[in-house]
Amino acid sequence: MKTLYRTVLAVVILAVAVASYLAYDRAMAPFTPPTLADYPIQGVDISHHQGAIDWQALARQPNVRFAIMKATEGGDHRDKRFAENWKAARDAGIVRGAYHFFTFCRPGSEQARNVMGTVPVEMDAMPIAIDLEFTGNCGKVPTLEELSAEISAFFDELNGAYPGKPIFYLNQQFFDQYLKGNEARFPDHYLWLRSIGQAPKREDCGGWSIWQFADNGGLDGIKGSVDLNALCPSETGFAHLFPALAAK
């Protein structure tokens, strides 16, 4: 009976966490998307869900300067289009980055080994990004101590294999729940903020570097919707995060 109670309680906690995540995420939608005049460096994030991509067509659009693509998830899943997308984006002249979907139910070190076996180390690529969210994750809601320990184990295992400090993808609710006031518990990182309901404060650009502002964008070269992102405008050029842009 106690085991059943704990299981039901865990499911309820997870459901509340996901519902809160989605409600917070869309609380202010709709809003006016950022313009290139205000946010001159924009890009996309993609996975196999976008299917076959015409990277040359994508590269001809001024709002696609970079692409962050899913590489791995958990301890053994690899995106089936990652290798294809990684090469094609480079051939099209688009700055590339790879992200790992971090599951709360596998050891961080195990997940890091999955990344290292999948993502090439290339100096002109963006730093490794990790996707931290409840949506689509396993049925565990980690404590602050558990999450920080496993993320630290993840990067300890990577041992600096990829250049630059990592990028953490999350929404404001996840940041408030785990990272706010606890930044010292986590590896130094750039913040990739999901906020499709409202624009983050531009004066807070010191606190965030990339803004995901839409999950239903439409672009030539991609059939269906795609996530759209913008670089913090005060970071124009941003050679330390986008080294390949320094010469462009």
Protein backbone atom coordinates (compact mmCIF):
# COMPACT_ATOMS: atom_id res chain seq x y z
CA MET A 1 0.00 0.00 0.00
CA LYS A 2 2.83 2.42 0.84
CA THR A 3 4.49 1.65 -2.52
CA LEU A 4 1.24 2.40 -4.35
CA TYR A 5 0.83 5.65 -2.41
CA ARG A 6 4.35 6.77 -3.29
CA THR A 7 3.78 5.93 -6.96
CA VAL A 8 0.51 7.88 -7.11
CA LEU A 9 2.11 10.82 -5.30
CA ALA A 10 5.02 10.86 -7.77
CA VAL A 11 2.62 10.86 -10.73
CA VAL A 12 0.62 13.73 -9.22
CA ILE A 13 3.77 15.77 -8.55
CA LEU A 14 4.98 15.22 -12.12
CA ALA A 15 1.58 16.15 -13.59
CA VAL A 16 1.50 19.37 -11.57
CA ALA A 17 5.07 20.19 -12.62
CA VAL A 18 4.31 19.68 -16.33
CA ALA A 19 1.04 21.63 -16.14
CA SER A 20 2.79 24.49 -14.37
CA TYR A 21 5.58 24.40 -16.94
CA LEU A 22 3.18 24.69 -19.88
CA ALA A 23 0.97 27.31 -18.23
CA TYR A 24 3.96 29.48 -17.41
CA ASP A 25 5.37 29.00 -20.89
CA ARG A 26 2.27 30.28 -22.66
CA ALA A 27 0.86 32.67 -20.10
CA MET A 28 1.35 35.77 -22.20
CA ALA A 29 0.86 34.37 -25.74
CA PRO A 30 0.43 35.71 -28.36
CA PHE A 31 3.01 38.46 -28.78
CA THR A 32 4.93 40.19 -31.56
CA PRO A 33 7.98 38.15 -32.72
CA PRO A 34 11.35 39.90 -32.63
CA THR A 35 12.52 41.68 -35.77
CA LEU A 36 15.92 41.36 -37.38
CA ALA A 37 16.46 45.04 -36.73
CA ASP A 38 16.17 44.47 -32.98
CA TYR A 39 17.63 40.95 -32.88
CA PRO A 40 20.02 40.69 -35.85
CA ILE A 41 21.31 37.14 -35.20
CA GLN A 42 18.53 34.56 -35.35
CA GLY A 43 18.43 30.82 -35.91
CA VAL A 44 16.56 27.55 -35.46
CA ASP A 45 16.66 24.43 -33.37
CA ILE A 46 15.67 21.17 -34.99
CA SER A 47 15.52 17.40 -34.60
CA HIS A 48 14.42 14.44 -36.71
CA HIS A 49 10.84 15.68 -36.27
CA GLN A 50 11.52 18.26 -39.00
CA GLY A 51 12.23 15.45 -41.45
CA ALA A 52 14.48 16.05 -44.46
CA ILE A 53 15.68 19.67 -44.50
CA ASP A 54 16.78 21.68 -47.53
CA TRP A 55 19.76 23.31 -45.84
CA GLN A 56 20.72 25.39 -48.86
CA ALA A 57 17.25 26.97 -48.94
CA LEU A 58 17.44 27.51 -45.20
CA ALA A 59 20.81 29.23 -45.48
CA ARG A 60 19.49 31.79 -47.96
CA GLN A 61 17.19 33.29 -45.31
CA PRO A 62 18.56 36.16 -43.21
CA ASN A 63 16.97 34.88 -40.02
CA VAL A 64 18.85 31.56 -40.11
CA ARG A 65 22.40 32.30 -39.00
CA PHE A 66 22.69 29.25 -36.76
CA ALA A 67 21.06 25.87 -36.14
CA ILE A 68 21.11 23.90 -32.90
CA MET A 69 20.23 20.29 -33.58
CA LYS A 70 19.27 17.40 -31.37
CA ALA A 71 22.01 14.82 -31.11
CA THR A 72 21.20 12.61 -28.16
CA GLU A 73 18.77 11.83 -25.36
CA GLY A 74 19.41 9.96 -22.14
CA GLY A 75 22.01 7.22 -22.05
CA ASP A 76 21.52 5.54 -25.42
CA HIS A 77 19.15 7.39 -27.77
CA ARG A 78 20.66 9.14 -30.80
CA ASP A 79 18.68 11.35 -33.14
CA LYS A 80 18.43 9.47 -36.42
CA ARG A 81 19.05 12.57 -38.55
CA PHE A 82 21.81 14.16 -36.49
CA ALA A 83 24.79 13.05 -38.59
CA GLU A 84 23.01 14.06 -41.80
CA ASN A 85 21.97 17.46 -40.41
CA TRP A 86 25.40 18.13 -38.90
CA LYS A 87 27.18 17.71 -42.23
CA ALA A 88 24.52 19.41 -44.35
CA ALA A 89 24.40 22.50 -42.12
CA ARG A 90 28.18 22.89 -42.36
CA ASP A 91 28.08 22.50 -46.15
CA ALA A 92 25.41 25.23 -46.28
CA GLY A 93 27.55 27.59 -44.21
CA ILE A 94 25.24 27.65 -41.19
CA VAL A 95 26.83 27.78 -37.74
CA ARG A 96 26.02 24.53 -35.94
CA GLY A 97 25.39 23.45 -32.40
CA ALA A 98 24.30 20.16 -30.86
CA TYR A 99 21.98 19.60 -27.92
CA HIS A 100 21.39 16.70 -25.56
CA PHE A 101 17.99 16.06 -23.97
CA PHE A 102 18.84 15.43 -20.33
CA THR A 103 16.71 12.75 -18.71
CA PHE A 104 16.21 12.69 -14.95
CA CYS A 105 16.23 8.88 -14.86
CA ARG A 106 19.72 8.03 -16.14
CA PRO A 107 23.10 8.83 -14.55
CA GLY A 108 24.70 12.00 -15.87
CA SER A 109 28.00 10.27 -16.63
CA GLU A 110 26.21 7.68 -18.76
CA GLN A 111 24.45 10.40 -20.72
CA ALA A 112 27.74 12.21 -21.30
CA ARG A 113 29.25 9.08 -22.85
CA ASN A 114 26.30 8.97 -25.25
CA VAL A 115 27.09 12.54 -26.31
CA MET A 116 30.79 11.84 -26.80
CA GLY A 117 29.98 8.85 -28.97
CA THR A 118 27.72 10.95 -31.19
CA VAL A 119 28.82 14.59 -31.46
CA PRO A 120 32.10 15.37 -33.25
CA VAL A 121 34.49 17.80 -31.56
CA GLU A 122 34.81 20.69 -34.00
CA MET A 123 36.24 24.08 -33.15
CA ASP A 124 33.81 26.02 -35.34
CA ALA A 125 30.75 24.60 -33.58
CA MET A 126 28.79 26.15 -30.73
CA PRO A 127 29.25 24.75 -27.22
CA ILE A 128 27.26 21.70 -26.20
CA ALA A 129 23.71 22.49 -25.05
CA ILE A 130 21.60 20.47 -22.63
CA ASP A 131 17.81 20.55 -22.71
CA LEU A 132 16.37 20.69 -19.18
CA GLU A 133 12.60 20.33 -19.00
CA PHE A 134 9.78 18.20 -17.62
CA THR A 135 7.87 17.89 -20.90
CA GLY A 136 8.76 14.62 -22.59
CA ASN A 137 10.99 13.54 -19.72
CA CYS A 138 10.71 10.50 -17.49
CA GLY A 139 8.44 10.26 -14.45
CA LYS A 140 10.91 11.67 -11.92
CA VAL A 141 10.95 15.16 -10.44
CA PRO A 142 14.50 15.52 -9.12
CA THR A 143 15.42 17.49 -6.04
CA LEU A 144 17.85 20.38 -6.42
CA GLU A 145 20.58 18.20 -4.95
CA GLU A 146 19.88 15.32 -7.33
CA LEU A 147 19.72 17.52 -10.43
CA SER A 148 22.87 19.50 -9.66
CA ALA A 149 24.79 16.31 -8.82
CA GLU A 150 23.85 14.55 -12.07
CA ILE A 151 24.51 17.61 -14.24
CA SER A 152 27.90 18.01 -12.57
CA ALA A 153 28.59 14.33 -13.21
CA PHE A 154 27.62 14.84 -16.85
CA PHE A 155 30.16 17.60 -17.36
CA ASP A 156 32.81 15.89 -15.27
CA GLU A 157 32.55 12.97 -17.68
CA LEU A 158 32.80 15.28 -20.70
CA ASN A 159 35.96 16.67 -19.07
CA GLY A 160 36.17 19.69 -21.35
CA ALA A 161 36.01 17.64 -24.55
CA TYR A 162 33.91 20.33 -26.24
CA PRO A 163 35.17 23.93 -26.35
CA GLY A 164 33.39 26.72 -24.49
CA LYS A 165 31.16 26.69 -21.45
CA PRO A 166 27.90 24.78 -21.99
CA ILE A 167 24.46 26.13 -22.84
CA PHE A 168 21.49 25.33 -20.59
CA TYR A 169 18.10 25.31 -22.34
CA LEU A 170 15.13 25.84 -20.00
CA ASN A 171 12.13 28.03 -19.37
CA GLN A 172 11.71 30.64 -16.65
CA GLN A 173 9.71 28.31 -14.43
CA PHE A 174 12.43 25.65 -14.50
CA PHE A 175 15.05 28.33 -13.84
CA ASP A 176 13.09 29.65 -10.87
CA GLN A 177 12.58 26.15 -9.47
CA TYR A 178 16.18 24.95 -9.69
CA LEU A 179 18.78 27.52 -10.73
CA LYS A 180 17.65 30.84 -9.28
CA GLY A 181 19.91 31.59 -6.35
CA ASN A 182 21.64 28.24 -6.83
CA GLU A 183 23.83 29.00 -9.84
CA ALA A 184 26.97 28.08 -7.89
CA ARG A 185 25.70 24.49 -7.63
CA PHE A 186 25.87 24.11 -11.41
CA PRO A 187 28.70 24.36 -13.94
CA ASP A 188 29.21 27.84 -15.40
CA HIS A 189 26.95 28.13 -18.44
CA TYR A 190 25.18 30.29 -21.00
CA LEU A 191 21.40 30.46 -20.68
CA TRP A 192 19.10 29.57 -23.58
CA LEU A 193 15.69 30.74 -22.43
CA ARG A 194 12.41 29.39 -23.80
CA SER A 195 9.77 32.10 -23.61
CA ILE A 196 7.19 31.87 -26.37
CA GLY A 197 4.64 33.92 -24.46
CA GLN A 198 6.61 37.04 -23.74
CA ALA A 199 9.92 38.67 -24.58
CA PRO A 200 12.57 38.45 -21.89
CA LYS A 201 13.83 41.75 -20.56
CA ARG A 202 16.52 43.04 -22.90
CA GLU A 203 18.33 44.67 -20.02
CA ASP A 204 18.74 41.18 -18.57
CA CYS A 205 20.86 40.05 -21.52
CA GLY A 206 23.69 39.50 -19.08
CA GLY A 207 21.53 36.69 -17.70
CA TRP A 208 20.55 35.05 -20.98
CA SER A 209 22.26 34.54 -24.33
CA ILE A 210 19.69 32.83 -26.59
CA TRP A 211 15.92 33.28 -26.63
CA GLN A 212 13.59 30.66 -28.11
CA PHE A 213 10.62 32.82 -29.06
CA ALA A 214 8.47 30.47 -31.18
CA ASP A 215 7.75 26.77 -31.59
CA ASN A 216 5.55 27.13 -34.67
CA GLY A 217 7.72 29.06 -37.11
CA GLY A 218 7.63 28.54 -40.85
CA LEU A 219 10.73 28.67 -43.07
CA ASP A 220 11.67 27.74 -46.62
CA GLY A 221 13.47 24.40 -46.57
CA ILE A 222 11.51 22.91 -43.67
CA LYS A 223 8.12 21.26 -44.04
CA GLY A 224 5.93 22.00 -41.05
CA SER A 225 6.73 24.07 -37.99
CA VAL A 226 10.12 24.75 -36.44
CA ASP A 227 11.47 26.42 -33.31
CA LEU A 228 12.83 29.94 -33.80
CA ASN A 229 15.52 31.62 -31.71
CA ALA A 230 17.31 34.94 -31.35
CA LEU A 231 20.66 35.88 -29.92
CA CYS A 232 20.71 38.49 -27.19
CA PRO A 233 21.12 41.78 -29.13
CA SER A 234 23.82 43.12 -26.83
CA GLU A 235 25.89 40.09 -27.83
CA THR A 236 26.02 41.01 -31.53
CA GLY A 237 28.88 39.06 -33.05
CA PHE A 238 29.23 36.90 -29.92
CA ALA A 239 32.47 35.36 -31.11
CA HIS A 240 33.01 33.39 -27.89
CA LEU A 241 29.74 31.49 -28.38
CA PHE A 242 29.67 31.51 -32.18
CA PRO A 243 33.34 31.41 -33.18
CA ALA A 244 32.45 30.76 -36.81
CA LEU A 245 30.51 34.03 -36.91
CA ALA A 246 33.59 36.06 -36.02
CA ALA A 247 34.70 35.98 -39.65
CA LYS A 248 31.21 36.57 -41.09
